[in-house]
C-alpha atoms as a PDB file:
ATOM      1  CA  MET A   1      15.597  33.573  -7.494  1.00  0.00           C
ATOM      2  CA  LEU A   2      13.097  36.205  -6.399  1.00  0.00           C
ATOM      3  CA  GLN A   3      11.451  35.222  -3.124  1.00  0.00           C
ATOM      4  CA  PHE A   4       8.995  37.721  -1.719  1.00  0.00           C
ATOM      5  CA  GLY A   5       8.886  38.234   2.017  1.00  0.00           C
ATOM      6  CA  GLY A   6      12.076  36.303   2.669  1.00  0.00           C
ATOM      7  CA  ALA A   7      15.801  36.610   2.178  1.00  0.00           C
ATOM      8  CA  ALA A   8      18.273  34.824  -0.064  1.00  0.00           C
ATOM      9  CA  ASN A   9      22.054  34.448   0.194  1.00  0.00           C
ATOM     10  CA  LEU A  10      23.804  35.776  -2.924  1.00  0.00           C
ATOM     11  CA  LEU A  11      27.502  35.608  -3.733  1.00  0.00           C
ATOM     12  CA  ASN A  12      28.882  39.140  -3.779  1.00  0.00           C
ATOM     13  CA  LEU A  13      32.656  38.930  -3.077  1.00  0.00           C
ATOM     14  CA  GLY A  14      33.038  42.574  -2.173  1.00  0.00           C
ATOM     15  CA  GLY A  15      31.099  43.809  -5.198  1.00  0.00           C
ATOM     16  CA  THR A  16      33.064  41.847  -7.811  1.00  0.00           C
ATOM     17  CA  ILE A  17      30.031  39.833  -8.968  1.00  0.00           C
ATOM     18  CA  ASN A  18      27.864  41.330 -11.727  1.00  0.00           C
ATOM     19  CA  TYR A  19      24.090  40.883 -11.703  1.00  0.00           C
ATOM     20  CA  ARG A  20      21.365  41.480 -14.239  1.00  0.00           C
ATOM     21  CA  PHE A  21      17.670  40.734 -14.539  1.00  0.00           C
ATOM     22  CA  THR A  22      17.026  37.714 -16.748  1.00  0.00           C
ATOM     23  CA  ASP A  23      13.917  35.685 -17.501  1.00  0.00           C
ATOM     24  CA  PHE A  24      14.759  31.989 -17.103  1.00  0.00           C
ATOM     25  CA  GLY A  25      11.107  30.889 -17.119  1.00  0.00           C
ATOM     26  CA  MET A  26       9.574  28.480 -19.591  1.00  0.00           C
ATOM     27  CA  PRO A  27       7.526  29.906 -22.497  1.00  0.00           C
ATOM     28  CA  PRO A  28       5.369  31.920 -22.789  1.00  0.00           C
ATOM     29  CA  HIS A  29       7.697  33.881 -20.439  1.00  0.00           C
ATOM     30  CA  PHE A  30       6.958  37.075 -18.560  1.00  0.00           C
ATOM     31  CA  THR A  31       4.265  35.679 -16.351  1.00  0.00           C
ATOM     32  CA  LEU A  32       5.411  38.137 -13.659  1.00  0.00           C
ATOM     33  CA  GLN A  33       3.767  41.540 -13.485  1.00  0.00           C
ATOM     34  CA  THR A  34       7.037  43.359 -12.711  1.00  0.00           C
ATOM     35  CA  LYS A  35       7.803  46.423 -14.817  1.00  0.00           C
ATOM     36  CA  PHE A  36      10.023  48.500 -12.520  1.00  0.00           C
ATOM     37  CA  VAL A  37      12.568  47.726  -9.800  1.00  0.00           C
ATOM     38  CA  ARG A  38      13.926  49.864  -6.985  1.00  0.00           C
ATOM     39  CA  ILE A  39      17.349  48.720  -5.726  1.00  0.00           C
ATOM     40  CA  GLU A  40      18.518  49.693  -2.243  1.00  0.00           C
ATOM     41  CA  ILE A  41      21.702  48.951  -0.290  1.00  0.00           C
ATOM     42  CA  PHE A  42      21.935  48.686   3.503  1.00  0.00           C
ATOM     43  CA  ASP A  43      24.803  50.926   4.620  1.00  0.00           C
ATOM     44  CA  GLY A  44      24.868  49.568   8.176  1.00  0.00           C
ATOM     45  CA  THR A  45      22.209  51.966   9.415  1.00  0.00           C
ATOM     46  CA  VAL A  46      19.498  52.442   6.784  1.00  0.00           C
ATOM     47  CA  PHE A  47      18.659  51.293   3.263  1.00  0.00           C
ATOM     48  CA  LYS A  48      19.755  53.774   0.579  1.00  0.00           C
ATOM     49  CA  ASP A  49      19.122  53.746  -3.154  1.00  0.00           C
ATOM     50  CA  ILE A  50      21.926  52.125  -5.115  1.00  0.00           C
ATOM     51  CA  ASN A  51      22.955  55.320  -6.899  1.00  0.00           C
ATOM     52  CA  GLU A  52      22.940  57.249  -3.603  1.00  0.00           C
ATOM     53  CA  VAL A  53      25.825  55.128  -2.281  1.00  0.00           C
ATOM     54  CA  GLY A  54      27.848  55.648  -5.462  1.00  0.00           C
ATOM     55  CA  LEU A  55      26.835  52.474  -7.275  1.00  0.00           C
ATOM     56  CA  GLY A  56      25.089  52.127 -10.600  1.00  0.00           C
ATOM     57  CA  TRP A  57      24.768  50.099 -13.749  1.00  0.00           C
ATOM     58  CA  THR A  58      27.095  49.129 -16.567  1.00  0.00           C
ATOM     59  CA  LEU A  59      25.553  50.744 -19.600  1.00  0.00           C
ATOM     60  CA  GLU A  60      25.148  48.082 -22.282  1.00  0.00           C
ATOM     61  CA  ASP A  61      21.818  49.363 -23.533  1.00  0.00           C
ATOM     62  CA  ASP A  62      21.339  52.781 -25.147  1.00  0.00           C
ATOM     63  CA  ASP A  63      17.820  52.916 -23.752  1.00  0.00           C
ATOM     64  CA  PHE A  64      19.008  52.679 -20.155  1.00  0.00           C
ATOM     65  CA  GLU A  65      17.828  55.312 -17.724  1.00  0.00           C
ATOM     66  CA  TRP A  66      16.935  55.793 -14.087  1.00  0.00           C
ATOM     67  CA  VAL A  67      13.330  56.855 -13.765  1.00  0.00           C
ATOM     68  CA  PRO A  68      12.688  59.312 -10.890  1.00  0.00           C
ATOM     69  CA  THR A  69       9.507  58.127  -9.210  1.00  0.00           C
ATOM     70  CA  THR A  70       7.296  59.333  -6.394  1.00  0.00           C
ATOM     71  CA  VAL A  71       5.255  56.739  -4.522  1.00  0.00           C
ATOM     72  CA  GLY A  72       3.459  57.508  -1.267  1.00  0.00           C
ATOM     73  CA  GLY A  73       5.195  60.871  -1.004  1.00  0.00           C
ATOM     74  CA  ASN A  74       8.692  59.341  -1.336  1.00  0.00           C
ATOM     75  CA  THR A  75      10.818  60.082  -4.401  1.00  0.00           C
ATOM     76  CA  PHE A  76      13.351  57.494  -5.551  1.00  0.00           C
ATOM     77  CA  PRO A  77      14.821  56.115  -8.800  1.00  0.00           C
ATOM     78  CA  VAL A  78      13.705  52.855 -10.413  1.00  0.00           C
ATOM     79  CA  ILE A  79      15.009  50.901 -13.385  1.00  0.00           C
ATOM     80  CA  THR A  80      12.608  49.882 -16.123  1.00  0.00           C
ATOM     81  CA  ILE A  81      12.467  46.154 -16.844  1.00  0.00           C
ATOM     82  CA  LYS A  82      11.865  45.375 -20.480  1.00  0.00           C
ATOM     83  CA  MET A  83      12.378  42.508 -22.855  1.00  0.00           C
ATOM     84  CA  ASN A  84      15.400  42.544 -25.131  1.00  0.00           C
ATOM     85  CA  VAL A  85      13.716  40.933 -28.141  1.00  0.00           C
ATOM     86  CA  THR A  86      16.847  40.588 -30.263  1.00  0.00           C
ATOM     87  CA  GLY A  87      18.754  38.884 -27.434  1.00  0.00           C
ATOM     88  CA  GLY A  88      16.133  36.311 -26.541  1.00  0.00           C
ATOM     89  CA  TYR A  89      14.432  36.451 -23.164  1.00  0.00           C
ATOM     90  CA  GLU A  90      16.754  38.752 -21.282  1.00  0.00           C
ATOM     91  CA  ILE A  91      15.170  41.425 -19.141  1.00  0.00           C
ATOM     92  CA  ASN A  92      17.286  44.556 -19.455  1.00  0.00           C
ATOM     93  CA  PRO A  93      20.864  43.561 -20.419  1.00  0.00           C
ATOM     94  CA  ASN A  94      22.472  46.160 -18.143  1.00  0.00           C
ATOM     95  CA  THR A  95      24.577  44.691 -15.335  1.00  0.00           C
ATOM     96  CA  PHE A  96      25.032  46.120 -11.858  1.00  0.00           C
ATOM     97  CA  THR A  97      27.009  45.406  -8.693  1.00  0.00           C
ATOM     98  CA  PHE A  98      26.061  45.649  -5.038  1.00  0.00           C
ATOM     99  CA  GLY A  99      29.454  46.974  -3.931  1.00  0.00           C
ATOM    100  CA  ASN A 100      31.142  45.965  -0.699  1.00  0.00           C
ATOM    101  CA  PHE A 101      27.917  45.784   1.299  1.00  0.00           C
ATOM    102  CA  ASN A 102      26.197  42.996   3.201  1.00  0.00           C
ATOM    103  CA  GLN A 103      22.531  43.468   2.377  1.00  0.00           C
ATOM    104  CA  ALA A 104      20.356  44.680  -0.489  1.00  0.00           C
ATOM    105  CA  ARG A 105      16.633  45.126  -1.038  1.00  0.00           C
ATOM    106  CA  LEU A 106      14.751  45.065  -4.346  1.00  0.00           C
ATOM    107  CA  THR A 107      11.187  46.372  -4.539  1.00  0.00           C
ATOM    108  CA  LEU A 108       9.207  45.292  -7.596  1.00  0.00           C
ATOM    109  CA  PHE A 109       6.459  47.396  -9.160  1.00  0.00           C
ATOM    110  CA  ASP A 110       3.771  46.765 -11.737  1.00  0.00           C
ATOM    111  CA  ASN A 111       2.163  50.182 -11.603  1.00  0.00           C
ATOM    112  CA  LEU A 112       4.034  53.028  -9.954  1.00  0.00           C
ATOM    113  CA  ASN A 113       0.741  54.576  -8.923  1.00  0.00           C
ATOM    114  CA  THR A 114      -0.295  51.627  -6.773  1.00  0.00           C
ATOM    115  CA  GLY A 115       2.904  50.782  -4.879  1.00  0.00           C
ATOM    116  CA  GLY A 116       5.164  47.756  -4.864  1.00  0.00           C
ATOM    117  CA  ILE A 117       3.933  44.240  -5.557  1.00  0.00           C
ATOM    118  CA  GLY A 118       6.722  42.536  -3.625  1.00  0.00           C
ATOM    119  CA  THR A 119      10.075  42.932  -1.890  1.00  0.00           C
ATOM    120  CA  PHE A 120      13.085  40.688  -2.311  1.00  0.00           C
ATOM    121  CA  GLN A 121      15.891  40.912   0.254  1.00  0.00           C
ATOM    122  CA  ALA A 122      19.415  39.618  -0.342  1.00  0.00           C
ATOM    123  CA  ASN A 123      22.130  38.767   2.143  1.00  0.00           C
ATOM    124  CA  LEU A 124      25.361  39.529   0.281  1.00  0.00           C
ATOM    125  CA  ILE A 125      28.091  36.956   0.914  1.00  0.00           C
ATOM    126  CA  ASN A 126      31.498  38.604   0.537  1.00  0.00           C
ATOM    127  CA  THR A 127      33.980  35.738   1.053  1.00  0.00           C
ATOM    128  CA  VAL A 128      34.319  32.296  -0.514  1.00  0.00           C
ATOM    129  CA  GLN A 129      34.833  30.718   2.913  1.00  0.00           C
ATOM    130  CA  GLU A 130      31.481  32.090   4.054  1.00  0.00           C
ATOM    131  CA  ALA A 131      29.746  30.980   0.864  1.00  0.00           C
ATOM    132  CA  PHE A 132      31.230  27.463   1.033  1.00  0.00           C
ATOM    133  CA  PRO A 133      32.029  26.670   4.679  1.00  0.00           C
ATOM    134  CA  MET A 134      34.462  23.758   4.892  1.00  0.00           C
ATOM    135  CA  ILE A 135      35.716  21.917   7.989  1.00  0.00           C
ATOM    136  CA  PRO A 136      37.664  18.726   8.755  1.00  0.00           C
ATOM    137  CA  SER A 137      35.202  15.841   8.883  1.00  0.00           C
ATOM    138  CA  GLY A 138      34.809  13.543  11.845  1.00  0.00           C
ATOM    139  CA  ASN A 139      36.265  14.794  15.097  1.00  0.00           C
ATOM    140  CA  ALA A 140      39.531  16.063  13.601  1.00  0.00           C
ATOM    141  CA  ILE A 141      40.796  19.388  14.892  1.00  0.00           C
ATOM    142  CA  CYS A 142      42.764  20.099  11.693  1.00  0.00           C
ATOM    143  CA  TYR A 143      43.268  18.823   8.157  1.00  0.00           C
ATOM    144  CA  THR A 144      45.900  16.091   7.847  1.00  0.00           C
ATOM    145  CA  PHE A 145      47.657  14.571   4.845  1.00  0.00           C
ATOM    146  CA  THR A 146      46.758  10.987   5.772  1.00  0.00           C
ATOM    147  CA  PRO A 147      43.871  10.883   5.669  1.00  0.00           C
ATOM    148  CA  PHE A 148      42.701  14.223   4.356  1.00  0.00           C
ATOM    149  CA  SER A 149      39.050  14.411   5.418  1.00  0.00           C
ATOM    150  CA  TYR A 150      36.714  17.288   4.702  1.00  0.00           C
ATOM    151  CA  ASN A 151      33.088  18.365   4.886  1.00  0.00           C
ATOM    152  CA  ILE A 152      31.978  21.202   2.606  1.00  0.00           C
ATOM    153  CA  SER A 153      28.571  22.753   2.065  1.00  0.00           C
ATOM    154  CA  SER A 154      27.136  25.997   0.708  1.00  0.00           C
ATOM    155  CA  ILE A 155      24.831  28.636   2.154  1.00  0.00           C
ATOM    156  CA  LEU A 156      24.131  30.175  -1.276  1.00  0.00           C
ATOM    157  CA  ASP A 157      20.626  30.226  -2.705  1.00  0.00           C
ATOM    158  CA  GLY A 158      19.838  29.811  -6.368  1.00  0.00           C
ATOM    159  CA  LEU A 159      22.617  27.350  -7.261  1.00  0.00           C
ATOM    160  CA  CYS A 160      21.454  25.868 -10.562  1.00  0.00           C
ATOM    161  CA  SER A 161      24.622  24.470 -12.146  1.00  0.00           C
ATOM    162  CA  SER A 162      24.715  20.745 -12.851  1.00  0.00           C
ATOM    163  CA  ASN A 163      28.512  20.831 -12.904  1.00  0.00           C
ATOM    164  CA  MET A 164      30.202  22.003  -9.701  1.00  0.00           C
ATOM    165  CA  ASN A 165      33.639  20.724  -8.723  1.00  0.00           C
ATOM    166  CA  ILE A 166      36.132  21.092  -5.909  1.00  0.00           C
ATOM    167  CA  ASN A 167      39.850  20.976  -6.670  1.00  0.00           C
ATOM    168  CA  PHE A 168      42.781  20.596  -4.289  1.00  0.00           C
ATOM    169  CA  ARG A 169      46.219  21.711  -5.440  1.00  0.00           C
ATOM    170  CA  LEU A 170      49.359  23.521  -4.352  1.00  0.00           C
ATOM    171  CA  PRO A 171      49.310  27.310  -4.622  1.00  0.00           C
ATOM    172  CA  ALA A 172      51.272  28.746  -7.528  1.00  0.00           C
ATOM    173  CA  GLY A 173      54.928  29.048  -6.589  1.00  0.00           C
ATOM    174  CA  SER A 174      54.621  26.823  -3.513  1.00  0.00           C
ATOM    175  CA  PRO A 175      58.074  26.071  -2.009  1.00  0.00           C
ATOM    176  CA  HIS A 176      56.820  22.552  -1.199  1.00  0.00           C
ATOM    177  CA  ALA A 177      56.198  21.427  -4.799  1.00  0.00           C
ATOM    178  CA  GLY A 178      59.158  19.021  -4.675  1.00  0.00           C
ATOM    179  CA  TYR A 179      57.311  16.818  -2.155  1.00  0.00           C
ATOM    180  CA  PHE A 180      54.383  16.257  -4.525  1.00  0.00           C
ATOM    181  CA  PRO A 181      53.883  14.523  -7.878  1.00  0.00           C
ATOM    182  CA  PRO A 182      54.224  16.920 -10.844  1.00  0.00           C
ATOM    183  CA  ASN A 183      51.114  19.069 -11.336  1.00  0.00           C
ATOM    184  CA  TRP A 184      49.394  17.406  -8.381  1.00  0.00           C
ATOM    185  CA  ASN A 185      45.675  18.101  -8.373  1.00  0.00           C
ATOM    186  CA  VAL A 186      42.640  16.252  -7.011  1.00  0.00           C
ATOM    187  CA  GLN A 187      39.243  17.092  -8.490  1.00  0.00           C
ATOM    188  CA  GLN A 188      35.921  15.876  -7.089  1.00  0.00           C
ATOM    189  CA  SER A 189      32.337  16.739  -7.945  1.00  0.00           C
ATOM    190  CA  LEU A 190      29.998  18.592  -5.603  1.00  0.00           C
ATOM    191  CA  SER A 191      26.293  17.903  -5.255  1.00  0.00           C
ATOM    192  CA  ASN A 192      23.824  20.313  -6.814  1.00  0.00           C
ATOM    193  CA  ASN A 193      23.624  22.175  -3.484  1.00  0.00           C
ATOM    194  CA  GLY A 194      27.414  22.534  -3.269  1.00  0.00           C
ATOM    195  CA  SER A 195      28.104  19.896  -0.618  1.00  0.00           C
ATOM    196  CA  ARG A 196      30.349  16.852  -0.204  1.00  0.00           C
ATOM    197  CA  ILE A 197      31.901  14.772   2.582  1.00  0.00           C
ATOM    198  CA  ASP A 198      34.959  12.749   1.565  1.00  0.00           C
ATOM    199  CA  ASN A 199      38.500  11.689   2.392  1.00  0.00           C
ATOM    200  CA  PHE A 200      41.651  10.655   0.537  1.00  0.00           C
ATOM    201  CA  ASN A 201      45.392  10.620   1.131  1.00  0.00           C
ATOM    202  CA  ILE A 202      47.528  13.551   0.020  1.00  0.00           C
ATOM    203  CA  PRO A 203      50.963  12.373  -1.146  1.00  0.00           C
ATOM    204  CA  ASN A 204      53.790  14.331   0.473  1.00  0.00           C
ATOM    205  CA  SER A 205      56.919  12.159   0.022  1.00  0.00           C
ATOM    206  CA  THR A 206      59.227  12.730   3.010  1.00  0.00           C
ATOM    207  CA  TRP A 207      57.627  15.989   4.144  1.00  0.00           C
ATOM    208  CA  CYS A 208      56.148  14.443   7.290  1.00  0.00           C
ATOM    209  CA  ASP A 209      59.406  12.789   8.354  1.00  0.00           C
ATOM    210  CA  GLN A 210      60.141  16.024  10.202  1.00  0.00           C
ATOM    211  CA  CYS A 211      57.400  15.174  12.708  1.00  0.00           C
ATOM    212  CA  LEU A 212      58.349  11.549  13.501  1.00  0.00           C
ATOM    213  CA  ASN A 213      60.021  12.344  16.827  1.00  0.00           C
ATOM    214  CA  VAL A 214      58.560  15.737  17.568  1.00  0.00           C
ATOM    215  CA  VAL A 215      56.712  16.142  20.871  1.00  0.00           C
ATOM    216  CA  ALA A 216      55.535  19.049  22.982  1.00  0.00           C
ATOM    217  CA  PRO A 217      54.856  19.270  26.742  1.00  0.00           C
ATOM    218  CA  HIS A 218      51.409  18.155  27.804  1.00  0.00           C
ATOM    219  CA  TYR A 219      50.777  21.285  29.849  1.00  0.00           C
ATOM    220  CA  LEU A 220      50.698  23.643  26.868  1.00  0.00           C
ATOM    221  CA  PRO A 221      47.177  25.104  26.674  1.00  0.00           C
ATOM    222  CA  ASP A 222      46.626  24.798  22.917  1.00  0.00           C
ATOM    223  CA  PRO A 223      47.227  22.041  20.350  1.00  0.00           C
ATOM    224  CA  VAL A 224      50.699  22.058  18.780  1.00  0.00           C
ATOM    225  CA  PRO A 225      50.508  21.059  15.103  1.00  0.00           C
ATOM    226  CA  CYS A 226      53.517  19.890  13.096  1.00  0.00           C
ATOM    227  CA  GLY A 227      54.459  19.876   9.426  1.00  0.00           C
ATOM    228  CA  CYS A 228      51.768  22.245   8.174  1.00  0.00           C
ATOM    229  CA  MET A 229      51.603  23.773   4.704  1.00  0.00           C
ATOM    230  CA  GLU A 230      49.108  25.687   2.614  1.00  0.00           C
ATOM    231  CA  ILE A 231      46.886  23.890   0.096  1.00  0.00           C
ATOM    232  CA  GLU A 232      44.617  25.753  -2.326  1.00  0.00           C
ATOM    233  CA  VAL A 233      40.957  24.828  -2.634  1.00  0.00           C
ATOM    234  CA  MET A 234      39.236  25.815  -5.884  1.00  0.00           C
ATOM    235  CA  ILE A 235      35.462  25.720  -6.338  1.00  0.00           C
ATOM    236  CA  SER A 236      34.400  25.794 -10.001  1.00  0.00           C
ATOM    237  CA  ILE A 237      30.779  26.402 -10.965  1.00  0.00           C
ATOM    238  CA  ALA A 238      29.841  25.885 -14.619  1.00  0.00           C
ATOM    239  CA  PRO A 239      27.044  28.014 -16.138  1.00  0.00           C
ATOM    240  CA  CYS A 240      23.493  26.812 -15.630  1.00  0.00           C
ATOM    241  CA  SER A 241      21.878  25.052 -18.558  1.00  0.00           C
ATOM    242  CA  ASN A 242      19.628  28.028 -19.305  1.00  0.00           C
ATOM    243  CA  SER A 243      22.276  30.730 -18.864  1.00  0.00           C
ATOM    244  CA  PRO A 244      22.932  33.244 -21.663  1.00  0.00           C
ATOM    245  CA  SER A 245      25.605  32.166 -24.139  1.00  0.00           C
ATOM    246  CA  GLY A 246      29.138  33.189 -23.229  1.00  0.00           C
ATOM    247  CA  CYS A 247      28.538  32.976 -19.490  1.00  0.00           C
ATOM    248  CA  PRO A 248      31.915  31.897 -17.991  1.00  0.00           C
ATOM    249  CA  THR A 249      32.667  29.223 -15.412  1.00  0.00           C
ATOM    250  CA  LEU A 250      32.967  30.819 -11.993  1.00  0.00           C
ATOM    251  CA  GLU A 251      36.182  29.871 -10.145  1.00  0.00           C
ATOM    252  CA  LEU A 252      36.489  30.596  -6.429  1.00  0.00           C
ATOM    253  CA  ALA A 253      39.710  29.861  -4.542  1.00  0.00           C
ATOM    254  CA  PHE A 254      40.666  29.930  -0.872  1.00  0.00           C
ATOM    255  CA  PRO A 255      43.583  28.511   1.174  1.00  0.00           C
ATOM    256  CA  ILE A 256      43.523  25.875   3.899  1.00  0.00           C
ATOM    257  CA  GLU A 257      46.308  24.551   6.135  1.00  0.00           C
ATOM    258  CA  VAL A 258      47.087  20.815   6.067  1.00  0.00           C
ATOM    259  CA  CYS A 259      49.362  19.274   8.712  1.00  0.00           C
ATOM    260  CA  CYS A 260      51.238  16.038   9.333  1.00  0.00           C
ATOM    261  CA  ASP A 261      49.978  15.994  12.923  1.00  0.00           C
ATOM    262  CA  CYS A 262      47.290  18.133  14.526  1.00  0.00           C
ATOM    263  CA  ASP A 263      48.753  17.971  18.024  1.00  0.00           C
ATOM    264  CA  VAL A 264      52.146  16.628  19.144  1.00  0.00           C
ATOM    265  CA  ARG A 265      51.628  17.319  22.838  1.00  0.00           C
ATOM    266  CA  LEU A 266      52.413  14.408  25.126  1.00  0.00           C
ATOM    267  CA  ALA A 267      49.539  12.772  26.990  1.00  0.00           C
ATOM    268  CA  PRO A 268      49.244  14.057  30.564  1.00  0.00           C
ATOM    269  CA  PRO A 269      50.565  11.761  33.284  1.00  0.00           C
ATOM    270  CA  ASN A 270      48.055   9.481  35.010  1.00  0.00           C
ATOM    271  CA  ASP A 271      48.938  10.656  38.505  1.00  0.00           C
END
């Protein structure tokens, strides 16, 4: 994931995602020269060290410690990267979060006396909708039941799972469940970059009968939809093939509104 001189989009979700340094390279491993990392968070004005803004690490390793360091007259803490021999090829098993911030910067060091060897900048994506933007496909101005057409993609970098799916279902406790088949759910696979364009019909029994004779004046300034209800979209991302054992499937949900008709306004008169 580390890309010097550039920026990468990482899923953050308001600081609920845990990160750790891990070596996913092929043997002989540890071809990088990195031995120390400085982690900074952008607070909206300046970059501050992660512990200065009240963030830190989850202590899973008894040998964990921040190392106060002075480079070029500036003093700041770094974390030592080391190999966890008993756990395989993990680099420091401690996890950390970026908090509810939008940007982070990691400076990598080989020798603290010679300065950093590279900087990695991360744009922190804090909502699922931003991470996986989804819109009605074609020229539709809203999602409809028949057909239901969508276009989804992802702005995240570093997606490595070979098993990503998108699920459509009713939210738990939906008052509209009686219009759908029991346990209605549609699951489709996403490409390895998190994208898909598709369409299908969403069964809704007699729900849309309410819109058969509904019209609105043509002079209303905005579209007037009819028969709308909330549908839940669930993105599931299975662990990558080289992830540590026990890594869970990541499930990300967000709501969308699906309507019987996007706009019931009458057509304007010809004169």
